[in-house]
Amino acid sequence: MQIQLQSAKIIDPTSSFHGDRLDILICDGIIEKIDNKINADKATVIARDDLHLSSGWFDSNVSFGEPGYEERETLSHGLHVAATSGFAHIAYNTNTNPLPTTKADIAFLMRKTADTPTLIHPKAHITTESKNNQLADLNDLSLAGAVGFSNNKTPIDNPHMLLLALQYARGFDGLIESFPLDPQLCVNGVMHEGIMSTSLGLTGIPNLAEEIRIRRDLSILAYTGGKLHIPTISTAQGVALIRQAKKENLDVSCSVAIHNLMLTDAELEGFDTRFKLMPPLRESSDQKALIKGIKDGTIDMVTSDHQPMDIEHKKMEFEHAAHGSIGLETAYGSLCALFDNQAAATLLTNGKDRFGVQQQPIAVGEKADFSLFSPKGKTTVQKENIISTSKNSAYLGKEITGTVYGVVNNGKLHLND
């Protein structure tokens, strides 16, 4: 298959073509030619208004539902959503049933998605399905294709388990995730603890619950060595702790959910469960600290924190509703509201190296691994336009910027109509 991308502006600071608007010819998934004007009679020509391309976007924190919760989102449909949203790669979370604790579980995920333009990079569960105090066989899971190890949003409460996981994973350069929350400091908490939670009469989740857990995890990392990833930090204190840890040369990375950059706890004034998230939406001072952490490099990557949830789990009293929001479809457009186009695209490619996903340079002879988009256009997010199976979006009614055209990856083209 031949594909010609016509007059595409290349956004890739590592490429000699960065900032240039050129034609790109792709043959059987490989970049064959990059030039001002290409004439390829047999190629499928892709021409779009103000077409831009970057290295394929990567999301480090995506959930669907399969296996076990297919009513929320199947793998096939979820990957269609991801491709439509411009993502060429996703790291797949471990909140499935069964938990991914065996080589067969990892093989199932990779087999289901081997032929798709968006590639899935599965994480494996740190502990076994039956015992939270027993490590899974992390090395075998890594050999099977797991790119990291995580108990998703279930905190690792036993510090000895985190210590053992970090020590064990050092032997094969594995990445351990630890969700930054001490549940004993936020029993029955449903939103950020602050003025808004007090006025609404809802039990809060204090910043301290994140700070204490990050302090503990960094202390363990300093003792064991190894590689630690702290997903979806949400507080100013969390940013400060990780900034200091990096100055001390600890091998730690972190992400932030895009909705924590875009929204604050003020959204919860109407008890709308679309804004019940984990970590919770925080105050504006935390939001500002997170944005600063992005700009100074303390925060390594952004994530949509895509978590589909069916209406039966969302349309409930606030205290009983499930946490989570979908976010793939609004990721690029939301970032363009905060950062310029190049920064938004670059943020969406960060994280590949940390999760062992090859960063393909945009050069002749390399594999084509692109996201296609334009900074032009504005859209108001409407429920009827959401293609995700679950419609639990925190962005309904919000205006987002830019247009996603699709992806070229894995020898496949996904082009939005």
Protein backbone atom coordinates (compact mmCIF):
# COMPACT_ATOMS: atom_id res chain seq x y z
CA MET A 1 0.00 0.00 0.00
CA GLN A 2 1.27 3.46 -0.95
CA ILE A 3 0.16 6.57 0.91
CA GLN A 4 1.11 10.12 -0.01
CA LEU A 5 0.66 12.80 2.64
CA GLN A 6 0.41 16.05 0.75
CA SER A 7 1.78 19.36 2.04
CA ALA A 8 2.09 18.23 5.66
CA LYS A 9 3.83 20.40 8.23
CA ILE A 10 6.20 18.21 10.22
CA ILE A 11 6.24 18.74 13.99
CA ASP A 12 9.21 16.83 15.37
CA PRO A 13 12.00 18.77 17.13
CA THR A 14 14.35 15.78 16.66
CA SER A 15 13.87 15.70 12.87
CA SER A 16 15.85 17.63 10.27
CA PHE A 17 12.47 18.32 8.63
CA HIS A 18 10.97 19.96 11.73
CA GLY A 19 8.79 22.92 10.80
CA ASP A 20 8.89 22.17 7.06
CA ARG A 21 5.76 21.63 4.97
CA LEU A 22 6.49 18.70 2.64
CA ASP A 23 5.05 15.68 0.85
CA ILE A 24 5.71 12.27 2.40
CA LEU A 25 5.46 8.98 0.51
CA ILE A 26 4.88 5.81 2.53
CA CYS A 27 5.20 2.35 0.98
CA ASP A 28 4.12 -0.70 2.98
CA GLY A 29 4.51 1.17 6.22
CA ILE A 30 7.98 2.59 5.49
CA ILE A 31 8.82 6.22 4.67
CA GLU A 32 10.15 6.05 1.10
CA LYS A 33 10.48 9.73 0.23
CA ILE A 34 10.16 13.20 1.78
CA ASP A 35 10.24 16.09 -0.68
CA ASN A 36 8.64 19.37 -1.69
CA LYS A 37 6.52 17.73 -4.37
CA ILE A 38 6.01 14.02 -4.93
CA ASN A 39 4.23 12.43 -7.89
CA ALA A 40 3.24 8.85 -7.11
CA ASP A 41 0.58 7.56 -9.50
CA LYS A 42 -0.45 4.54 -7.42
CA ALA A 43 -0.51 6.23 -4.03
CA THR A 44 -3.58 7.09 -2.00
CA VAL A 45 -3.25 10.86 -1.61
CA ILE A 46 -4.14 12.38 1.74
CA ALA A 47 -4.71 16.13 1.49
CA ARG A 48 -6.32 17.99 4.38
CA ASP A 49 -6.67 21.62 5.37
CA ASP A 50 -3.49 22.75 7.18
CA LEU A 51 -2.33 19.15 7.61
CA HIS A 52 0.23 18.63 10.37
CA LEU A 53 1.94 15.45 11.46
CA SER A 54 4.06 14.42 14.40
CA SER A 55 5.48 11.22 15.77
CA GLY A 56 2.56 8.99 16.75
CA TRP A 57 0.88 10.10 19.97
CA PHE A 58 1.17 7.93 23.06
CA ASP A 59 -1.10 7.75 26.12
CA SER A 60 0.35 6.12 29.21
CA ASN A 61 -2.91 5.57 31.11
CA VAL A 62 -5.87 4.18 29.14
CA SER A 63 -8.69 1.89 30.28
CA PHE A 64 -11.43 0.33 28.15
CA GLY A 65 -13.30 -2.61 29.63
CA GLU A 66 -12.27 -5.83 27.96
CA PRO A 67 -11.85 -8.39 29.35
CA GLY A 68 -14.61 -8.42 31.92
CA TYR A 69 -16.39 -5.08 31.46
CA GLU A 70 -17.15 -5.00 27.75
CA GLU A 71 -20.30 -2.93 28.33
CA ARG A 72 -18.01 0.02 29.04
CA GLU A 73 -15.83 -0.38 25.93
CA THR A 74 -14.49 -3.34 23.97
CA LEU A 75 -10.88 -3.45 22.87
CA SER A 76 -11.75 -3.19 19.17
CA HIS A 77 -14.04 -0.21 19.64
CA GLY A 78 -11.72 1.43 22.15
CA LEU A 79 -8.82 1.23 19.73
CA HIS A 80 -11.06 2.73 17.03
CA VAL A 81 -11.73 5.62 19.44
CA ALA A 82 -8.00 5.98 20.09
CA ALA A 83 -7.13 6.07 16.37
CA THR A 84 -9.91 8.58 15.69
CA SER A 85 -8.46 10.68 18.51
CA GLY A 86 -4.99 10.62 16.92
CA PHE A 87 -3.30 8.09 19.20
CA ALA A 88 -0.95 5.58 17.59
CA HIS A 89 -0.02 3.93 20.90
CA ILE A 90 -1.68 3.37 24.26
CA ALA A 91 -0.44 1.76 27.47
CA TYR A 92 -3.36 -0.34 28.67
CA ASN A 93 -4.34 -0.33 32.33
CA THR A 94 -4.79 -3.37 34.53
CA ASN A 95 -8.37 -2.79 35.74
CA THR A 96 -9.82 -5.79 33.91
CA ASN A 97 -11.34 -9.09 34.93
CA PRO A 98 -9.32 -11.23 35.10
CA LEU A 99 -6.39 -9.06 36.11
CA PRO A 100 -3.41 -9.37 33.73
CA THR A 101 -1.14 -11.49 35.92
CA THR A 102 -0.02 -14.23 33.50
CA LYS A 103 1.74 -14.45 30.15
CA ALA A 104 -1.52 -15.69 28.64
CA ASP A 105 -3.30 -12.52 29.77
CA ILE A 106 -0.69 -10.33 28.08
CA ALA A 107 -0.71 -12.48 24.94
CA PHE A 108 -4.51 -12.15 24.73
CA LEU A 109 -4.28 -8.35 24.70
CA MET A 110 -1.49 -8.22 22.14
CA ARG A 111 -3.14 -10.81 19.88
CA LYS A 112 -6.44 -8.92 19.86
CA THR A 113 -4.76 -5.75 18.62
CA ALA A 114 -1.86 -6.89 16.44
CA ASP A 115 -3.50 -5.69 13.21
CA THR A 116 -4.73 -2.26 14.27
CA PRO A 117 -3.33 1.22 13.50
CA THR A 118 -3.30 1.99 17.22
CA LEU A 119 -1.01 -0.41 19.04
CA ILE A 120 -1.73 -1.53 22.58
CA HIS A 121 1.13 -1.81 25.06
CA PRO A 122 -0.22 -3.75 28.03
CA LYS A 123 0.72 -3.22 31.63
CA ALA A 124 0.70 -6.19 34.00
CA HIS A 125 -0.60 -6.33 37.55
CA ILE A 126 2.12 -6.15 40.20
CA THR A 127 0.51 -8.68 42.51
CA THR A 128 -1.19 -11.99 41.79
CA GLU A 129 -4.94 -12.20 41.27
CA SER A 130 -5.52 -14.13 44.48
CA LYS A 131 -3.01 -12.50 46.81
CA ASN A 132 -2.24 -8.79 47.08
CA ASN A 133 0.80 -9.68 49.18
CA GLN A 134 2.44 -11.87 46.53
CA LEU A 135 4.30 -10.54 43.49
CA ALA A 136 3.31 -11.74 40.06
CA ASP A 137 6.13 -13.15 37.92
CA LEU A 138 7.20 -9.74 36.67
CA ASN A 139 10.11 -10.93 34.54
CA ASP A 140 7.98 -13.46 32.64
CA LEU A 141 5.31 -10.80 32.12
CA SER A 142 7.94 -8.42 30.76
CA LEU A 143 9.19 -11.05 28.32
CA ALA A 144 5.58 -11.58 27.21
CA GLY A 145 5.29 -7.88 26.30
CA ALA A 146 4.23 -5.98 29.42
CA VAL A 147 5.66 -2.45 29.32
CA GLY A 148 5.19 -1.74 33.02
CA PHE A 149 3.65 -3.01 36.22
CA SER A 150 0.74 -1.37 37.97
CA ASN A 151 -2.17 -2.05 40.29
CA ASN A 152 -3.91 0.81 38.45
CA LYS A 153 -5.74 3.12 40.87
CA THR A 154 -5.50 0.67 43.77
CA PRO A 155 -2.71 2.04 45.98
CA ILE A 156 0.11 -0.27 47.04
CA ASP A 157 -0.55 0.00 50.77
CA ASN A 158 2.07 -2.52 51.84
CA PRO A 159 5.43 -0.71 51.54
CA HIS A 160 7.27 -4.03 51.53
CA MET A 161 5.49 -5.01 48.30
CA LEU A 162 6.65 -1.84 46.56
CA LEU A 163 10.18 -2.42 47.86
CA LEU A 164 10.21 -5.99 46.54
CA ALA A 165 8.73 -4.97 43.18
CA LEU A 166 11.35 -2.25 42.64
CA GLN A 167 14.17 -4.59 43.63
CA TYR A 168 12.91 -7.42 41.43
CA ALA A 169 12.27 -5.19 38.41
CA ARG A 170 15.81 -3.80 38.56
CA GLY A 171 17.03 -7.12 37.20
CA PHE A 172 15.37 -6.51 33.83
CA ASP A 173 15.01 -2.70 33.85
CA GLY A 174 11.28 -2.90 34.54
CA LEU A 175 9.06 0.07 35.34
CA ILE A 176 6.93 0.00 38.51
CA GLU A 177 3.87 2.26 38.91
CA SER A 178 2.48 3.34 42.26
CA PHE A 179 -0.79 5.27 42.47
CA PRO A 180 -0.21 8.33 44.71
CA LEU A 181 -2.90 8.04 47.36
CA ASP A 182 -2.93 6.99 51.01
CA PRO A 183 -6.49 5.66 51.43
CA GLN A 184 -6.33 5.81 55.22
CA LEU A 185 -6.16 9.61 54.96
CA CYS A 186 -9.29 9.91 52.82
CA VAL A 187 -11.78 7.33 54.06
CA ASN A 188 -15.10 7.86 52.21
CA GLY A 189 -13.63 10.85 50.37
CA VAL A 190 -15.36 11.69 47.09
CA MET A 191 -13.81 15.02 46.02
CA HIS A 192 -10.98 17.41 46.85
CA GLU A 193 -10.95 18.56 50.46
CA GLY A 194 -11.33 22.33 50.54
CA ILE A 195 -13.79 25.19 50.59
CA MET A 196 -15.94 23.59 47.88
CA SER A 197 -16.26 20.22 49.63
CA THR A 198 -17.20 21.99 52.85
CA SER A 199 -19.86 24.08 51.13
CA LEU A 200 -21.31 20.98 49.42
CA GLY A 201 -21.20 18.87 52.56
CA LEU A 202 -19.14 16.15 50.86
CA THR A 203 -16.27 14.23 52.42
CA GLY A 204 -12.96 15.42 51.03
CA ILE A 205 -9.73 13.85 49.81
CA PRO A 206 -6.93 16.04 51.21
CA ASN A 207 -3.78 16.92 49.30
CA LEU A 208 -1.98 15.30 52.21
CA ALA A 209 -3.16 11.85 51.05
CA GLU A 210 -1.17 12.29 47.84
CA GLU A 211 1.81 14.00 49.46
CA ILE A 212 2.31 11.32 52.15
CA ARG A 213 2.18 8.48 49.62
CA ILE A 214 4.62 10.16 47.22
CA ARG A 215 7.03 10.84 50.11
CA ARG A 216 6.89 7.18 51.10
CA ASP A 217 7.36 5.88 47.59
CA LEU A 218 10.30 8.18 46.87
CA SER A 219 11.97 7.10 50.11
CA ILE A 220 11.61 3.46 49.09
CA LEU A 221 12.97 4.25 45.61
CA ALA A 222 16.00 5.99 47.15
CA TYR A 223 16.67 2.81 49.15
CA THR A 224 16.10 0.22 46.42
CA GLY A 225 17.02 1.94 43.20
CA GLY A 226 15.05 0.95 40.13
CA LYS A 227 12.51 2.81 38.00
CA LEU A 228 9.35 4.30 39.48
CA HIS A 229 6.45 5.96 37.66
CA ILE A 230 3.88 7.96 39.62
CA PRO A 231 0.73 8.36 37.50
CA THR A 232 -1.72 11.26 37.50
CA ILE A 233 -0.33 13.52 40.20
CA SER A 234 -2.76 16.28 41.12
CA THR A 235 -1.27 18.52 43.81
CA ALA A 236 1.26 21.31 44.14
CA GLN A 237 2.96 19.30 46.89
CA GLY A 238 3.28 16.30 44.59
CA VAL A 239 4.96 18.40 41.91
CA ALA A 240 7.41 19.84 44.44
CA LEU A 241 8.35 16.42 45.81
CA ILE A 242 9.04 14.96 42.38
CA ARG A 243 10.97 18.06 41.32
CA GLN A 244 13.27 17.60 44.33
CA ALA A 245 13.59 13.85 43.73
CA LYS A 246 14.79 14.49 40.19
CA LYS A 247 17.39 16.94 41.51
CA GLU A 248 18.60 14.06 43.69
CA ASN A 249 18.87 11.89 40.55
CA LEU A 250 16.20 9.39 41.53
CA ASP A 251 14.86 7.49 38.52
CA VAL A 252 11.28 8.71 38.85
CA SER A 253 8.77 9.89 36.26
CA CYS A 254 5.22 11.14 36.59
CA SER A 255 2.16 12.02 34.55
CA VAL A 256 -0.77 14.37 34.94
CA ALA A 257 -4.32 13.84 33.72
CA ILE A 258 -5.32 16.50 31.20
CA HIS A 259 -8.55 17.18 33.10
CA ASN A 260 -6.48 18.21 36.14
CA LEU A 261 -4.79 20.79 33.93
CA MET A 262 -8.08 22.02 32.48
CA LEU A 263 -10.59 21.87 35.35
CA THR A 264 -10.85 22.58 39.09
CA ASP A 265 -13.13 21.50 41.92
CA ALA A 266 -15.36 24.50 41.13
CA GLU A 267 -16.96 22.25 38.48
CA LEU A 268 -18.54 20.13 41.23
CA GLU A 269 -20.84 22.86 42.50
CA GLY A 270 -23.80 21.19 40.77
CA PHE A 271 -23.01 17.67 42.08
CA ASP A 272 -22.45 16.50 38.49
CA THR A 273 -20.92 13.02 38.65
CA ARG A 274 -19.09 13.60 35.34
CA PHE A 275 -16.60 15.52 37.47
CA LYS A 276 -16.16 12.77 40.05
CA LEU A 277 -12.62 11.71 39.18
CA MET A 278 -9.66 9.96 40.75
CA PRO A 279 -7.47 11.78 41.53
CA PRO A 280 -10.06 14.46 42.20
CA LEU A 281 -10.18 17.86 40.56
CA ARG A 282 -8.20 20.17 42.84
CA GLU A 283 -8.06 23.91 43.54
CA SER A 284 -6.72 26.51 41.13
CA SER A 285 -3.42 26.74 43.05
CA ASP A 286 -2.80 23.05 42.34
CA GLN A 287 -3.84 23.51 38.72
CA LYS A 288 -1.29 26.32 38.30
CA ALA A 289 1.45 24.23 39.92
CA LEU A 290 0.70 21.34 37.55
CA ILE A 291 0.92 23.60 34.50
CA LYS A 292 4.22 24.99 35.80
CA GLY A 293 5.43 21.41 36.31
CA ILE A 294 4.67 20.66 32.67
CA LYS A 295 6.53 23.74 31.47
CA ASP A 296 9.66 23.16 33.56
CA GLY A 297 9.85 19.43 32.78
CA THR A 298 9.07 18.11 36.25
CA ILE A 299 6.00 16.34 34.85
CA ASP A 300 7.14 13.98 32.12
CA MET A 301 3.92 13.28 30.26
CA VAL A 302 0.23 14.02 30.02
CA THR A 303 -2.53 11.43 29.85
CA SER A 304 -6.19 11.47 28.91
CA ASP A 305 -6.74 9.09 31.87
CA HIS A 306 -9.46 7.62 29.67
CA GLN A 307 -11.83 5.64 31.88
CA PRO A 308 -15.18 4.75 30.31
CA MET A 309 -17.98 4.07 32.76
CA ASP A 310 -21.51 3.01 31.82
CA ILE A 311 -24.49 5.12 32.85
CA GLU A 312 -25.54 2.65 35.56
CA HIS A 313 -22.35 3.49 37.46
CA LYS A 314 -22.44 7.25 36.83
CA LYS A 315 -26.09 8.29 37.07
CA MET A 316 -26.29 7.87 40.83
CA GLU A 317 -26.07 9.94 43.99
CA PHE A 318 -22.68 11.62 44.01
CA GLU A 319 -21.32 9.64 46.96
CA HIS A 320 -22.12 6.32 45.25
CA ALA A 321 -21.19 7.13 41.64
CA ALA A 322 -18.05 5.66 40.09
CA HIS A 323 -14.96 7.77 39.44
CA GLY A 324 -13.70 8.46 35.96
CA SER A 325 -14.09 10.30 32.66
CA ILE A 326 -13.39 9.42 29.06
CA GLY A 327 -10.73 11.65 27.56
CA LEU A 328 -9.10 10.34 24.38
CA GLU A 329 -11.36 12.28 22.02
CA THR A 330 -10.73 15.60 23.75
CA ALA A 331 -7.03 15.22 24.59
CA TYR A 332 -5.45 17.17 21.72
CA GLY A 333 -8.15 19.85 21.61
CA SER A 334 -7.90 20.43 25.36
CA LEU A 335 -4.12 20.78 25.30
CA CYS A 336 -4.35 23.26 22.43
CA ALA A 337 -6.38 25.50 24.74
CA LEU A 338 -3.45 25.61 27.19
CA PHE A 339 -0.35 25.33 25.01
CA ASP A 340 0.68 26.15 21.46
CA ASN A 341 0.28 23.50 18.77
CA GLN A 342 3.88 22.29 18.83
CA ALA A 343 3.88 21.97 22.61
CA ALA A 344 0.57 20.09 22.56
CA ALA A 345 1.79 17.61 19.94
CA THR A 346 5.11 17.13 21.73
CA LEU A 347 3.41 16.50 25.07
CA LEU A 348 1.34 13.79 23.40
CA THR A 349 4.47 11.97 22.19
CA ASN A 350 6.29 12.12 25.53
CA GLY A 351 6.35 8.95 27.58
CA LYS A 352 7.25 6.52 24.81
CA ASP A 353 10.83 6.09 25.96
CA ARG A 354 9.79 5.64 29.59
CA PHE A 355 7.45 2.79 28.65
CA GLY A 356 9.84 1.18 26.17
CA VAL A 357 7.87 2.18 23.08
CA GLN A 358 10.19 2.92 20.18
CA GLN A 359 10.24 6.56 19.11
CA GLN A 360 10.36 6.43 15.31
CA PRO A 361 12.22 9.38 13.73
CA ILE A 362 10.56 11.09 10.79
CA ALA A 363 13.15 10.16 8.16
CA VAL A 364 13.46 8.18 4.94
CA GLY A 365 13.76 4.45 5.59
CA GLU A 366 12.02 4.56 8.96
CA LYS A 367 8.65 3.11 9.90
CA ALA A 368 5.73 5.49 9.43
CA ASP A 369 4.34 6.20 12.91
CA PHE A 370 2.38 9.45 12.62
CA SER A 371 -0.50 11.34 14.12
CA LEU A 372 -2.34 13.61 11.66
CA PHE A 373 -3.96 16.83 12.85
CA SER A 374 -4.43 20.57 12.45
CA PRO A 375 -4.49 23.38 15.03
CA LYS A 376 -7.37 24.96 13.10
CA GLY A 377 -10.99 24.65 14.11
CA LYS A 378 -13.03 24.90 17.29
CA THR A 379 -15.60 22.39 18.52
CA THR A 380 -18.03 22.32 21.42
CA VAL A 381 -18.10 18.82 22.90
CA GLN A 382 -21.59 17.35 22.53
CA LYS A 383 -22.80 13.98 23.76
CA GLU A 384 -24.21 13.01 20.36
CA ASN A 385 -20.77 13.46 18.76
CA ILE A 386 -18.91 11.23 21.22
CA ILE A 387 -17.96 7.91 19.62
CA SER A 388 -16.87 6.18 22.84
CA THR A 389 -19.38 3.58 24.01
CA SER A 390 -19.59 5.28 27.40
CA LYS A 391 -20.43 9.00 27.35
CA ASN A 392 -19.04 9.99 30.77
CA SER A 393 -17.06 13.00 29.56
CA ALA A 394 -16.03 15.81 31.89
CA TYR A 395 -15.77 18.03 28.79
CA LEU A 396 -19.41 18.12 27.69
CA GLY A 397 -20.28 21.68 26.74
CA LYS A 398 -16.61 22.75 26.72
CA GLU A 399 -14.97 24.26 23.66
CA ILE A 400 -11.84 22.56 22.38
CA THR A 401 -9.40 23.67 19.69
CA GLY A 402 -7.96 21.90 16.66
CA THR A 403 -8.87 18.97 14.43
CA VAL A 404 -7.61 15.39 14.47
CA TYR A 405 -7.41 13.69 11.07
CA GLY A 406 -6.20 10.22 12.09
CA VAL A 407 -3.08 8.07 12.30
CA VAL A 408 -0.63 6.19 10.10
CA ASN A 409 0.98 3.34 12.01
CA ASN A 410 1.67 -0.39 11.93
CA GLY A 411 1.34 -0.34 8.14
CA LYS A 412 -2.24 0.89 8.47
CA LEU A 413 -4.08 4.14 7.78
CA HIS A 414 -6.97 5.36 9.91
CA LEU A 415 -8.49 8.49 8.42
CA ASN A 416 -11.41 10.35 9.95
CA ASP A 417 -14.21 11.34 7.57
